[in-house]
Amino acid sequence: MNKVNLVEKEVRDFTNEELAAFRKWFAEFDTRMWDVQLERDIASGKLDFLADEALSSLKTGKCKDI
């Protein structure tokens, strides 16, 4: 049995209170991991094309004021 299967089995056995606490923890954990990945992608230049695209759109008048 792999780790995911073990976790699934444990989660199925949670009480409602445990499940609520797990959901809260996992949402916070997932958000932190997303932030870490985004920071890595920015630092590596992986997302530079998005900034370039936005600046190009701004320079050519394709952007709208919001």
N, C-alpha and C. Protein backbone atom coordinates (compact mmCIF):
# COMPACT_ATOMS: atom_id res chain seq x y z
N MET A 1 0.85 -1.18 0.00
CA MET A 1 0.00 0.00 0.00
C MET A 1 0.90 1.25 0.00
N ASN A 2 0.61 2.20 -0.90
CA ASN A 2 1.44 3.41 -0.96
C ASN A 2 0.95 4.46 0.04
N LYS A 3 1.70 5.54 0.15
CA LYS A 3 1.38 6.58 1.14
C LYS A 3 0.01 7.19 0.91
N VAL A 4 -0.34 7.44 -0.35
CA VAL A 4 -1.63 8.06 -0.65
C VAL A 4 -2.77 7.14 -0.18
N ASN A 5 -2.64 5.86 -0.44
CA ASN A 5 -3.67 4.92 0.01
C ASN A 5 -3.78 4.90 1.53
N LEU A 6 -2.65 4.99 2.21
CA LEU A 6 -2.67 5.02 3.67
C LEU A 6 -3.37 6.27 4.19
N VAL A 7 -3.07 7.40 3.58
CA VAL A 7 -3.70 8.65 3.99
C VAL A 7 -5.20 8.60 3.71
N GLU A 8 -5.58 8.09 2.55
CA GLU A 8 -7.00 7.97 2.21
C GLU A 8 -7.74 7.15 3.26
N LYS A 9 -7.12 6.04 3.66
CA LYS A 9 -7.75 5.17 4.66
C LYS A 9 -7.93 5.92 5.97
N GLU A 10 -6.91 6.65 6.39
CA GLU A 10 -6.99 7.41 7.63
C GLU A 10 -8.07 8.49 7.54
N VAL A 11 -8.11 9.22 6.44
CA VAL A 11 -9.07 10.31 6.30
C VAL A 11 -10.50 9.77 6.34
N ARG A 12 -10.72 8.64 5.74
CA ARG A 12 -12.07 8.04 5.76
C ARG A 12 -12.55 7.78 7.19
N ASP A 13 -11.62 7.54 8.09
CA ASP A 13 -11.98 7.21 9.47
C ASP A 13 -12.07 8.43 10.38
N PHE A 14 -11.81 9.63 9.85
CA PHE A 14 -11.87 10.84 10.67
C PHE A 14 -13.29 11.10 11.16
N THR A 15 -13.36 11.69 12.35
CA THR A 15 -14.65 12.22 12.82
C THR A 15 -14.91 13.51 12.05
N ASN A 16 -16.10 14.06 12.18
CA ASN A 16 -16.41 15.32 11.51
C ASN A 16 -15.46 16.42 11.97
N GLU A 17 -15.15 16.45 13.25
CA GLU A 17 -14.25 17.47 13.79
C GLU A 17 -12.83 17.29 13.25
N GLU A 18 -12.37 16.06 13.19
CA GLU A 18 -11.04 15.78 12.65
C GLU A 18 -10.97 16.14 11.17
N LEU A 19 -12.03 15.85 10.45
CA LEU A 19 -12.07 16.16 9.02
C LEU A 19 -12.03 17.68 8.81
N ALA A 20 -12.76 18.43 9.62
CA ALA A 20 -12.74 19.88 9.50
C ALA A 20 -11.34 20.43 9.80
N ALA A 21 -10.69 19.90 10.81
CA ALA A 21 -9.33 20.33 11.16
C ALA A 21 -8.36 19.97 10.04
N PHE A 22 -8.52 18.79 9.47
CA PHE A 22 -7.65 18.36 8.36
C PHE A 22 -7.84 19.25 7.14
N ARG A 23 -9.09 19.56 6.81
CA ARG A 23 -9.36 20.45 5.67
C ARG A 23 -8.68 21.80 5.86
N LYS A 24 -8.79 22.35 7.06
CA LYS A 24 -8.18 23.65 7.36
C LYS A 24 -6.66 23.55 7.21
N TRP A 25 -6.08 22.52 7.82
CA TRP A 25 -4.62 22.34 7.74
C TRP A 25 -4.19 22.18 6.28
N PHE A 26 -4.90 21.34 5.53
CA PHE A 26 -4.48 21.06 4.16
C PHE A 26 -4.61 22.30 3.28
N ALA A 27 -5.65 23.08 3.45
CA ALA A 27 -5.81 24.30 2.66
C ALA A 27 -4.65 25.24 2.93
N GLU A 28 -4.26 25.40 4.19
CA GLU A 28 -3.12 26.25 4.54
C GLU A 28 -1.82 25.69 3.98
N PHE A 29 -1.63 24.40 4.09
CA PHE A 29 -0.44 23.72 3.57
C PHE A 29 -0.36 23.89 2.05
N ASP A 30 -1.46 23.65 1.38
CA ASP A 30 -1.49 23.74 -0.08
C ASP A 30 -1.19 25.16 -0.55
N THR A 31 -1.72 26.14 0.16
CA THR A 31 -1.45 27.54 -0.16
C THR A 31 0.03 27.86 -0.01
N ARG A 32 0.63 27.39 1.09
CA ARG A 32 2.08 27.62 1.30
C ARG A 32 2.90 26.98 0.20
N MET A 33 2.55 25.76 -0.18
CA MET A 33 3.31 25.07 -1.23
C MET A 33 3.16 25.78 -2.57
N TRP A 34 1.96 26.29 -2.86
CA TRP A 34 1.72 27.05 -4.09
C TRP A 34 2.60 28.29 -4.10
N ASP A 35 2.64 29.00 -2.95
CA ASP A 35 3.46 30.21 -2.85
C ASP A 35 4.94 29.91 -3.06
N VAL A 36 5.42 28.83 -2.47
CA VAL A 36 6.82 28.44 -2.63
C VAL A 36 7.13 28.15 -4.09
N GLN A 37 6.26 27.41 -4.76
CA GLN A 37 6.47 27.08 -6.17
C GLN A 37 6.44 28.33 -7.03
N LEU A 38 5.50 29.23 -6.76
CA LEU A 38 5.40 30.47 -7.52
C LEU A 38 6.67 31.30 -7.35
N GLU A 39 7.16 31.41 -6.11
CA GLU A 39 8.40 32.15 -5.86
C GLU A 39 9.57 31.54 -6.62
N ARG A 40 9.64 30.21 -6.64
CA ARG A 40 10.72 29.53 -7.40
C ARG A 40 10.61 29.83 -8.88
N ASP A 41 9.40 29.77 -9.41
CA ASP A 41 9.19 30.02 -10.83
C ASP A 41 9.55 31.47 -11.19
N ILE A 42 9.19 32.40 -10.32
CA ILE A 42 9.53 33.81 -10.57
C ILE A 42 11.04 34.00 -10.53
N ALA A 43 11.69 33.46 -9.50
CA ALA A 43 13.14 33.62 -9.34
C ALA A 43 13.92 33.00 -10.50
N SER A 44 13.40 31.92 -11.05
CA SER A 44 14.10 31.23 -12.14
C SER A 44 13.86 31.89 -13.50
N GLY A 45 12.92 32.85 -13.55
CA GLY A 45 12.60 33.50 -14.81
C GLY A 45 11.57 32.76 -15.63
N LYS A 46 11.03 31.70 -15.07
CA LYS A 46 10.08 30.87 -15.80
C LYS A 46 8.81 31.64 -16.21
N LEU A 47 8.49 32.69 -15.46
CA LEU A 47 7.27 33.44 -15.72
C LEU A 47 7.53 34.79 -16.38
N ASP A 48 8.77 35.05 -16.76
CA ASP A 48 9.11 36.33 -17.39
C ASP A 48 8.27 36.61 -18.63
N PHE A 49 7.93 35.57 -19.35
CA PHE A 49 7.15 35.77 -20.58
C PHE A 49 5.80 36.43 -20.29
N LEU A 50 5.25 36.18 -19.10
CA LEU A 50 3.97 36.80 -18.75
C LEU A 50 4.12 38.31 -18.55
N ALA A 51 5.20 38.72 -17.88
CA ALA A 51 5.46 40.14 -17.70
C ALA A 51 5.73 40.80 -19.04
N ASP A 52 6.50 40.13 -19.88
CA ASP A 52 6.80 40.67 -21.21
C ASP A 52 5.52 40.85 -22.02
N GLU A 53 4.65 39.88 -21.95
CA GLU A 53 3.37 39.93 -22.67
C GLU A 53 2.51 41.09 -22.16
N ALA A 54 2.46 41.27 -20.85
CA ALA A 54 1.67 42.35 -20.26
C ALA A 54 2.23 43.72 -20.65
N LEU A 55 3.54 43.85 -20.58
CA LEU A 55 4.16 45.13 -20.95
C LEU A 55 3.96 45.44 -22.43
N SER A 56 4.03 44.44 -23.26
CA SER A 56 3.80 44.61 -24.69
C SER A 56 2.36 45.07 -24.94
N SER A 57 1.42 44.45 -24.27
CA SER A 57 0.01 44.84 -24.41
C SER A 57 -0.20 46.27 -23.95
N LEU A 58 0.46 46.65 -22.87
CA LEU A 58 0.35 48.02 -22.37
C LEU A 58 0.90 49.02 -23.39
N LYS A 59 2.07 48.70 -23.95
CA LYS A 59 2.71 49.62 -24.90
C LYS A 59 1.91 49.76 -26.19
N THR A 60 1.20 48.73 -26.59
CA THR A 60 0.45 48.78 -27.84
C THR A 60 -1.00 49.22 -27.64
N GLY A 61 -1.33 49.61 -26.41
CA GLY A 61 -2.68 50.11 -26.12
C GLY A 61 -3.75 49.05 -26.02
N LYS A 62 -3.36 47.82 -25.80
CA LYS A 62 -4.36 46.74 -25.72
C LYS A 62 -4.94 46.58 -24.30
N CYS A 63 -4.44 47.37 -23.36
CA CYS A 63 -4.93 47.28 -21.98
C CYS A 63 -6.04 48.30 -21.74
N LYS A 64 -6.92 47.97 -20.83
CA LYS A 64 -8.00 48.87 -20.46
C LYS A 64 -7.83 49.25 -19.01
N ASP A 65 -8.18 50.49 -18.67
CA ASP A 65 -8.19 50.93 -17.29
C ASP A 65 -9.32 50.19 -16.56
N ILE A 66 -9.04 49.83 -15.33
CA ILE A 66 -10.09 49.19 -14.53
C ILE A 66 -10.40 50.03 -13.32
